[in-house]
PDB file of N, CA and C in Angstrom:
ATOM      1  N   MET A   1      28.616  36.798  -9.343  1.00  0.00           N
ATOM      2  CA  MET A   1      28.886  37.562 -10.675  1.00  0.00           C
ATOM      3  C   MET A   1      27.917  36.063 -11.787  1.00  0.00           C
ATOM      4  N   GLY A   2      28.254  35.087 -11.725  1.00  0.00           N
ATOM      5  CA  GLY A   2      27.933  34.268 -12.308  1.00  0.00           C
ATOM      6  C   GLY A   2      28.637  33.725 -13.900  1.00  0.00           C
ATOM      7  N   GLN A   3      28.350  33.411 -15.084  1.00  0.00           N
ATOM      8  CA  GLN A   3      28.615  32.709 -15.735  1.00  0.00           C
ATOM      9  C   GLN A   3      28.113  33.839 -16.891  1.00  0.00           C
ATOM     10  N   PRO A   4      29.019  34.175 -18.217  1.00  0.00           N
ATOM     11  CA  PRO A   4      28.780  34.950 -18.996  1.00  0.00           C
ATOM     12  C   PRO A   4      27.927  33.875 -19.857  1.00  0.00           C
ATOM     13  N   ASP A   5      26.883  34.811 -20.095  1.00  0.00           N
ATOM     14  CA  ASP A   5      25.826  34.737 -20.955  1.00  0.00           C
ATOM     15  C   ASP A   5      25.962  34.528 -22.493  1.00  0.00           C
ATOM     16  N   PRO A   6      25.878  33.669 -23.156  1.00  0.00           N
ATOM     17  CA  PRO A   6      26.551  33.153 -24.405  1.00  0.00           C
ATOM     18  C   PRO A   6      26.136  34.130 -25.760  1.00  0.00           C
ATOM     19  N   ARG A   7      24.620  33.870 -25.452  1.00  0.00           N
ATOM     20  CA  ARG A   7      23.683  34.954 -26.298  1.00  0.00           C
ATOM     21  C   ARG A   7      23.737  36.189 -26.533  1.00  0.00           C
ATOM     22  N   THR A   8      24.838  36.846 -25.594  1.00  0.00           N
ATOM     23  CA  THR A   8      25.151  38.448 -25.736  1.00  0.00           C
ATOM     24  C   THR A   8      26.522  38.622 -26.648  1.00  0.00           C
ATOM     25  N   TRP A   9      27.486  37.321 -26.459  1.00  0.00           N
ATOM     26  CA  TRP A   9      28.709  37.518 -27.475  1.00  0.00           C
ATOM     27  C   TRP A   9      28.272  38.060 -28.711  1.00  0.00           C
ATOM     28  N   PRO A  10      29.704  38.868 -29.015  1.00  0.00           N
ATOM     29  CA  PRO A  10      29.941  38.908 -30.867  1.00  0.00           C
ATOM     30  C   PRO A  10      29.111  38.208 -31.339  1.00  0.00           C
ATOM     31  N   ALA A  11      29.034  37.703 -32.813  1.00  0.00           N
ATOM     32  CA  ALA A  11      28.478  36.803 -33.832  1.00  0.00           C
ATOM     33  C   ALA A  11      29.887  36.496 -34.095  1.00  0.00           C
ATOM     34  N   THR A  12      30.259  34.997 -34.466  1.00  0.00           N
ATOM     35  CA  THR A  12      31.517  35.014 -35.465  1.00  0.00           C
ATOM     36  C   THR A  12      31.515  35.194 -36.463  1.00  0.00           C
ATOM     37  N   ALA A  13      32.579  34.868 -37.362  1.00  0.00           N
ATOM     38  CA  ALA A  13      32.289  35.080 -38.880  1.00  0.00           C
ATOM     39  C   ALA A  13      31.263  33.907 -39.202  1.00  0.00           C
ATOM     40  N   ASP A  14      31.678  33.133 -38.478  1.00  0.00           N
ATOM     41  CA  ASP A  14      30.569  31.469 -39.452  1.00  0.00           C
ATOM     42  C   ASP A  14      29.661  31.534 -38.635  1.00  0.00           C
ATOM     43  N   GLU A  15      29.325  32.488 -37.510  1.00  0.00           N
ATOM     44  CA  GLU A  15      27.734  32.083 -37.453  1.00  0.00           C
ATOM     45  C   GLU A  15      27.119  33.748 -38.155  1.00  0.00           C
ATOM     46  N   GLU A  16      28.133  35.039 -38.873  1.00  0.00           N
ATOM     47  CA  GLU A  16      27.524  35.467 -39.357  1.00  0.00           C
ATOM     48  C   GLU A  16      27.361  34.853 -41.193  1.00  0.00           C
ATOM     49  N   ARG A  17      28.043  34.165 -41.355  1.00  0.00           N
ATOM     50  CA  ARG A  17      28.028  33.351 -42.922  1.00  0.00           C
ATOM     51  C   ARG A  17      26.873  31.717 -42.196  1.00  0.00           C
ATOM     52  N   GLY A  18      25.707  32.365 -42.177  1.00  0.00           N
ATOM     53  CA  GLY A  18      24.933  31.053 -42.183  1.00  0.00           C
ATOM     54  C   GLY A  18      24.619  29.899 -40.917  1.00  0.00           C
ATOM     55  N   GLY A  19      25.474  30.533 -39.778  1.00  0.00           N
ATOM     56  CA  GLY A  19      25.130  30.037 -38.108  1.00  0.00           C
ATOM     57  C   GLY A  19      26.207  28.985 -38.087  1.00  0.00           C
ATOM     58  N   TYR A  20      26.080  27.940 -37.229  1.00  0.00           N
ATOM     59  CA  TYR A  20      27.116  27.140 -36.932  1.00  0.00           C
ATOM     60  C   TYR A  20      27.608  26.249 -37.470  1.00  0.00           C
ATOM     61  N   ARG A  21      29.171  25.860 -37.517  1.00  0.00           N
ATOM     62  CA  ARG A  21      29.950  25.033 -38.249  1.00  0.00           C
ATOM     63  C   ARG A  21      30.182  23.726 -37.257  1.00  0.00           C
ATOM     64  N   GLU A  22      29.544  22.711 -38.368  1.00  0.00           N
ATOM     65  CA  GLU A  22      30.188  21.302 -37.203  1.00  0.00           C
ATOM     66  C   GLU A  22      31.360  21.126 -37.662  1.00  0.00           C
ATOM     67  N   VAL A  23      32.179  20.188 -36.844  1.00  0.00           N
ATOM     68  CA  VAL A  23      33.655  19.886 -37.483  1.00  0.00           C
ATOM     69  C   VAL A  23      33.309  19.394 -38.647  1.00  0.00           C
ATOM     70  N   ASN A  24      32.693  18.708 -39.407  1.00  0.00           N
ATOM     71  CA  ASN A  24      33.099  17.887 -40.716  1.00  0.00           C
ATOM     72  C   ASN A  24      32.200  18.688 -42.195  1.00  0.00           C
ATOM     73  N   ASP A  25      31.728  19.968 -41.795  1.00  0.00           N
ATOM     74  CA  ASP A  25      31.051  20.925 -42.567  1.00  0.00           C
ATOM     75  C   ASP A  25      32.739  21.374 -43.289  1.00  0.00           C
ATOM     76  N   ASP A  26      32.773  21.139 -44.552  1.00  0.00           N
ATOM     77  CA  ASP A  26      33.692  21.591 -45.317  1.00  0.00           C
ATOM     78  C   ASP A  26      32.766  22.430 -46.690  1.00  0.00           C
ATOM     79  N   PHE A  27      31.769  22.991 -46.492  1.00  0.00           N
ATOM     80  CA  PHE A  27      31.186  23.597 -47.616  1.00  0.00           C
ATOM     81  C   PHE A  27      29.927  24.690 -46.970  1.00  0.00           C
ATOM     82  N   PHE A  28      30.051  25.945 -47.946  1.00  0.00           N
ATOM     83  CA  PHE A  28      29.515  26.410 -47.282  1.00  0.00           C
ATOM     84  C   PHE A  28      28.158  26.924 -48.775  1.00  0.00           C
ATOM     85  N   CYS A  29      26.752  26.708 -48.361  1.00  0.00           N
ATOM     86  CA  CYS A  29      26.007  26.513 -49.469  1.00  0.00           C
ATOM     87  C   CYS A  29      25.227  28.193 -49.608  1.00  0.00           C
ATOM     88  N   HIS A  30      26.001  28.531 -50.885  1.00  0.00           N
ATOM     89  CA  HIS A  30      25.472  30.079 -51.320  1.00  0.00           C
ATOM     90  C   HIS A  30      23.756  30.118 -51.161  1.00  0.00           C
ATOM     91  N   ARG A  31      23.454  29.525 -51.767  1.00  0.00           N
ATOM     92  CA  ARG A  31      22.224  29.489 -52.062  1.00  0.00           C
ATOM     93  C   ARG A  31      20.979  29.435 -50.687  1.00  0.00           C
ATOM     94  N   TYR A  32      21.552  28.317 -49.780  1.00  0.00           N
ATOM     95  CA  TYR A  32      20.755  28.568 -48.358  1.00  0.00           C
ATOM     96  C   TYR A  32      21.383  29.134 -47.487  1.00  0.00           C
ATOM     97  N   GLN A  33      22.504  29.397 -47.397  1.00  0.00           N
ATOM     98  CA  GLN A  33      23.646  30.505 -46.583  1.00  0.00           C
ATOM     99  C   GLN A  33      23.618  29.477 -45.602  1.00  0.00           C
ATOM    100  N   VAL A  34      24.059  28.135 -45.492  1.00  0.00           N
ATOM    101  CA  VAL A  34      24.482  27.473 -44.766  1.00  0.00           C
ATOM    102  C   VAL A  34      26.112  26.587 -44.628  1.00  0.00           C
ATOM    103  N   TRP A  35      26.132  25.925 -43.584  1.00  0.00           N
ATOM    104  CA  TRP A  35      27.592  24.809 -43.813  1.00  0.00           C
ATOM    105  C   TRP A  35      27.177  23.713 -43.625  1.00  0.00           C
ATOM    106  N   TYR A  36      27.815  23.093 -44.582  1.00  0.00           N
ATOM    107  CA  TYR A  36      27.150  21.277 -44.176  1.00  0.00           C
ATOM    108  C   TYR A  36      28.079  20.545 -45.435  1.00  0.00           C
ATOM    109  N   ALA A  37      28.655  18.923 -44.897  1.00  0.00           N
ATOM    110  CA  ALA A  37      29.075  18.261 -45.923  1.00  0.00           C
ATOM    111  C   ALA A  37      29.129  18.684 -47.090  1.00  0.00           C
ATOM    112  N   SER A  38      29.901  18.964 -48.272  1.00  0.00           N
ATOM    113  CA  SER A  38      30.311  19.292 -49.831  1.00  0.00           C
ATOM    114  C   SER A  38      30.271  17.309 -50.008  1.00  0.00           C
ATOM    115  N   PHE A  39      30.034  16.479 -49.292  1.00  0.00           N
ATOM    116  CA  PHE A  39      29.249  14.955 -50.265  1.00  0.00           C
ATOM    117  C   PHE A  39      28.159  14.621 -49.864  1.00  0.00           C
ATOM    118  N   ASP A  40      27.288  15.879 -48.755  1.00  0.00           N
ATOM    119  CA  ASP A  40      25.949  15.788 -48.947  1.00  0.00           C
ATOM    120  C   ASP A  40      25.446  16.565 -50.541  1.00  0.00           C
ATOM    121  N   CYS A  41      26.059  17.810 -50.542  1.00  0.00           N
ATOM    122  CA  CYS A  41      26.121  18.602 -51.518  1.00  0.00           C
ATOM    123  C   CYS A  41      25.613  17.644 -52.672  1.00  0.00           C
ATOM    124  N   ALA A  42      26.537  16.942 -53.323  1.00  0.00           N
ATOM    125  CA  ALA A  42      27.581  15.924 -53.856  1.00  0.00           C
ATOM    126  C   ALA A  42      25.777  14.617 -54.115  1.00  0.00           C
ATOM    127  N   VAL A  43      25.614  14.251 -52.667  1.00  0.00           N
ATOM    128  CA  VAL A  43      24.557  13.596 -53.667  1.00  0.00           C
ATOM    129  C   VAL A  43      22.911  13.911 -53.623  1.00  0.00           C
ATOM    130  N   ARG A  44      22.992  15.160 -53.116  1.00  0.00           N
ATOM    131  CA  ARG A  44      21.392  15.540 -53.337  1.00  0.00           C
ATOM    132  C   ARG A  44      21.822  16.548 -54.732  1.00  0.00           C
ATOM    133  N   THR A  45      22.469  16.452 -55.391  1.00  0.00           N
ATOM    134  CA  THR A  45      22.952  16.741 -56.864  1.00  0.00           C
ATOM    135  C   THR A  45      22.824  15.842 -57.542  1.00  0.00           C
ATOM    136  N   ARG A  46      23.817  14.699 -57.245  1.00  0.00           N
ATOM    137  CA  ARG A  46      23.355  13.247 -58.229  1.00  0.00           C
ATOM    138  C   ARG A  46      22.172  12.641 -58.439  1.00  0.00           C
ATOM    139  N   PHE A  47      21.519  12.650 -57.362  1.00  0.00           N
ATOM    140  CA  PHE A  47      20.110  12.025 -57.360  1.00  0.00           C
ATOM    141  C   PHE A  47      18.898  13.693 -56.978  1.00  0.00           C
ATOM    142  N   ARG A  48      19.532  14.126 -57.135  1.00  0.00           N
ATOM    143  CA  ARG A  48      17.945  15.294 -57.492  1.00  0.00           C
ATOM    144  C   ARG A  48      17.276  15.175 -56.500  1.00  0.00           C
ATOM    145  N   THR A  49      17.643  15.138 -54.861  1.00  0.00           N
ATOM    146  CA  THR A  49      16.857  15.309 -53.881  1.00  0.00           C
ATOM    147  C   THR A  49      16.296  16.354 -53.408  1.00  0.00           C
ATOM    148  N   SER A  50      16.573  17.440 -54.027  1.00  0.00           N
ATOM    149  CA  SER A  50      15.983  18.818 -53.686  1.00  0.00           C
ATOM    150  C   SER A  50      15.834  19.672 -54.991  1.00  0.00           C
ATOM    151  N   ALA A  51      14.465  20.482 -54.796  1.00  0.00           N
ATOM    152  CA  ALA A  51      14.074  20.983 -55.952  1.00  0.00           C
ATOM    153  C   ALA A  51      15.108  22.433 -56.037  1.00  0.00           C
ATOM    154  N   GLY A  52      15.523  22.973 -54.632  1.00  0.00           N
ATOM    155  CA  GLY A  52      16.464  23.803 -55.086  1.00  0.00           C
ATOM    156  C   GLY A  52      17.444  23.875 -54.888  1.00  0.00           C
ATOM    157  N   CYS A  53      18.027  21.900 -55.464  1.00  0.00           N
ATOM    158  CA  CYS A  53      19.392  22.170 -55.517  1.00  0.00           C
ATOM    159  C   CYS A  53      19.588  21.825 -57.295  1.00  0.00           C
ATOM    160  N   LEU A  54      18.712  22.032 -57.934  1.00  0.00           N
ATOM    161  CA  LEU A  54      18.767  21.802 -59.020  1.00  0.00           C
ATOM    162  C   LEU A  54      19.288  22.509 -59.791  1.00  0.00           C
ATOM    163  N   ASN A  55      19.796  22.716 -61.081  1.00  0.00           N
ATOM    164  CA  ASN A  55      20.926  23.781 -61.863  1.00  0.00           C
ATOM    165  C   ASN A  55      21.562  24.508 -60.976  1.00  0.00           C
ATOM    166  N   CYS A  56      22.488  23.854 -60.185  1.00  0.00           N
ATOM    167  CA  CYS A  56      23.501  24.744 -59.383  1.00  0.00           C
ATOM    168  C   CYS A  56      24.974  23.977 -59.472  1.00  0.00           C
ATOM    169  N   GLU A  57      25.726  25.721 -59.789  1.00  0.00           N
ATOM    170  CA  GLU A  57      27.506  25.384 -60.373  1.00  0.00           C
ATOM    171  C   GLU A  57      28.454  24.849 -58.539  1.00  0.00           C
ATOM    172  N   GLN A  58      27.415  25.398 -57.378  1.00  0.00           N
ATOM    173  CA  GLN A  58      27.741  24.656 -56.696  1.00  0.00           C
ATOM    174  C   GLN A  58      27.877  23.584 -56.435  1.00  0.00           C
ATOM    175  N   GLY A  59      26.804  22.792 -56.388  1.00  0.00           N
ATOM    176  CA  GLY A  59      26.158  21.526 -56.725  1.00  0.00           C
ATOM    177  C   GLY A  59      27.233  20.563 -57.283  1.00  0.00           C
ATOM    178  N   ARG A  60      27.422  21.213 -58.993  1.00  0.00           N
ATOM    179  CA  ARG A  60      28.044  20.467 -59.886  1.00  0.00           C
ATOM    180  C   ARG A  60      29.468  20.432 -59.481  1.00  0.00           C
ATOM    181  N   PHE A  61      30.311  21.351 -59.092  1.00  0.00           N
ATOM    182  CA  PHE A  61      31.343  21.143 -58.811  1.00  0.00           C
ATOM    183  C   PHE A  61      31.652  20.048 -58.038  1.00  0.00           C
ATOM    184  N   ASN A  62      30.743  20.141 -56.559  1.00  0.00           N
ATOM    185  CA  ASN A  62      30.478  18.951 -55.550  1.00  0.00           C
ATOM    186  C   ASN A  62      30.602  17.254 -55.958  1.00  0.00           C
ATOM    187  N   HIS A  63      29.672  17.494 -56.916  1.00  0.00           N
ATOM    188  CA  HIS A  63      29.664  16.498 -57.519  1.00  0.00           C
ATOM    189  C   HIS A  63      30.636  15.490 -58.308  1.00  0.00           C
ATOM    190  N   LYS A  64      31.198  16.855 -59.365  1.00  0.00           N
ATOM    191  CA  LYS A  64      32.264  16.456 -60.166  1.00  0.00           C
ATOM    192  C   LYS A  64      33.555  15.976 -58.145  1.00  0.00           C
ATOM    193  N   ARG A  65      33.672  16.483 -57.995  1.00  0.00           N
ATOM    194  CA  ARG A  65      34.537  16.324 -56.392  1.00  0.00           C
ATOM    195  C   ARG A  65      34.603  15.273 -56.082  1.00  0.00           C
ATOM    196  N   HIS A  66      33.439  14.662 -55.849  1.00  0.00           N
ATOM    197  CA  HIS A  66      32.773  12.885 -55.105  1.00  0.00           C
ATOM    198  C   HIS A  66      32.590  12.397 -56.112  1.00  0.00           C
ATOM    199  N   ALA A  67      33.309  11.907 -57.618  1.00  0.00           N
ATOM    200  CA  ALA A  67      32.600  11.223 -58.504  1.00  0.00           C
ATOM    201  C   ALA A  67      32.872   9.988 -58.248  1.00  0.00           C
ATOM    202  N   ALA A  68      34.131   9.422 -57.706  1.00  0.00           N
ATOM    203  CA  ALA A  68      34.466   8.401 -57.087  1.00  0.00           C
ATOM    204  C   ALA A  68      33.821   8.310 -56.116  1.00  0.00           C
ATOM    205  N   SER A  69      34.050   8.678 -54.950  1.00  0.00           N
ATOM    206  CA  SER A  69      32.756   8.316 -53.953  1.00  0.00           C
ATOM    207  C   SER A  69      31.446   7.711 -54.533  1.00  0.00           C
ATOM    208  N   LEU A  70      30.713   8.304 -55.541  1.00  0.00           N
ATOM    209  CA  LEU A  70      28.894   8.813 -55.396  1.00  0.00           C
ATOM    210  C   LEU A  70      29.335   7.017 -57.228  1.00  0.00           C
ATOM    211  N   ALA A  71      30.504   6.898 -56.960  1.00  0.00           N
ATOM    212  CA  ALA A  71      30.472   5.796 -58.313  1.00  0.00           C
ATOM    213  C   ALA A  71      29.731   4.832 -57.727  1.00  0.00           C
ATOM    214  N   GLY A  72      29.709   4.341 -56.389  1.00  0.00           N
ATOM    215  CA  GLY A  72      29.121   2.812 -55.713  1.00  0.00           C
ATOM    216  C   GLY A  72      27.793   3.361 -54.968  1.00  0.00           C
ATOM    217  N   TYR A  73      27.402   4.531 -54.964  1.00  0.00           N
ATOM    218  CA  TYR A  73      26.038   4.883 -54.079  1.00  0.00           C
ATOM    219  C   TYR A  73      24.874   4.746 -54.281  1.00  0.00           C
ATOM    220  N   ARG A  74      24.085   4.224 -53.493  1.00  0.00           N
ATOM    221  CA  ARG A  74      22.963   4.301 -54.266  1.00  0.00           C
ATOM    222  C   ARG A  74      22.080   5.261 -53.694  1.00  0.00           C
ATOM    223  N   ALA A  75      20.797   5.500 -54.314  1.00  0.00           N
ATOM    224  CA  ALA A  75      20.073   6.572 -54.139  1.00  0.00           C
ATOM    225  C   ALA A  75      19.557   6.769 -52.936  1.00  0.00           C
ATOM    226  N   PRO A  76      19.523   7.537 -52.070  1.00  0.00           N
ATOM    227  CA  PRO A  76      18.640   7.506 -50.747  1.00  0.00           C
ATOM    228  C   PRO A  76      17.330   7.215 -50.291  1.00  0.00           C
ATOM    229  N   LEU A  77      16.916   7.070 -49.654  1.00  0.00           N
ATOM    230  CA  LEU A  77      15.435   6.574 -49.774  1.00  0.00           C
ATOM    231  C   LEU A  77      14.951   7.996 -49.081  1.00  0.00           C
ATOM    232  N   LEU A  78      13.483   8.065 -49.568  1.00  0.00           N
ATOM    233  CA  LEU A  78      12.870   9.270 -49.248  1.00  0.00           C
ATOM    234  C   LEU A  78      11.689   9.116 -48.776  1.00  0.00           C
ATOM    235  N   VAL A  79      11.574   9.998 -47.503  1.00  0.00           N
ATOM    236  CA  VAL A  79      10.502   9.598 -46.828  1.00  0.00           C
ATOM    237  C   VAL A  79       9.844  10.722 -46.436  1.00  0.00           C
ATOM    238  N   ASP A  80       8.646  10.160 -46.514  1.00  0.00           N
ATOM    239  CA  ASP A  80       7.215  11.132 -46.304  1.00  0.00           C
ATOM    240  C   ASP A  80       7.343  11.978 -47.762  1.00  0.00           C
ATOM    241  N   GLY A  81       7.982  11.725 -48.794  1.00  0.00           N
ATOM    242  CA  GLY A  81       7.835  12.376 -50.457  1.00  0.00           C
ATOM    243  C   GLY A  81       8.775  13.265 -50.539  1.00  0.00           C
ATOM    244  N   GLU A  82       9.512  13.418 -49.550  1.00  0.00           N
ATOM    245  CA  GLU A  82      10.344  14.749 -49.552  1.00  0.00           C
ATOM    246  C   GLU A  82      11.565  14.242 -50.440  1.00  0.00           C
TER     247      GLU A  82
END
């Protein structure tokens, strides 16, 4: 009979809401419909590294949530003008 093909299984709630959720993903971005770490969102908001993340209420919330951790954090290096 062989092994079942996972591509034919019904989608889970996480897969219907932005695909696969990693272990450290604690945040669902409504704008991009993806799961990722809220600290990453806070960094994008703090250092304005993504034009699509400007003026985002979720980003402001995550920035406030992680403000203490971001206090000593330096701006990430951008590669190829990203």
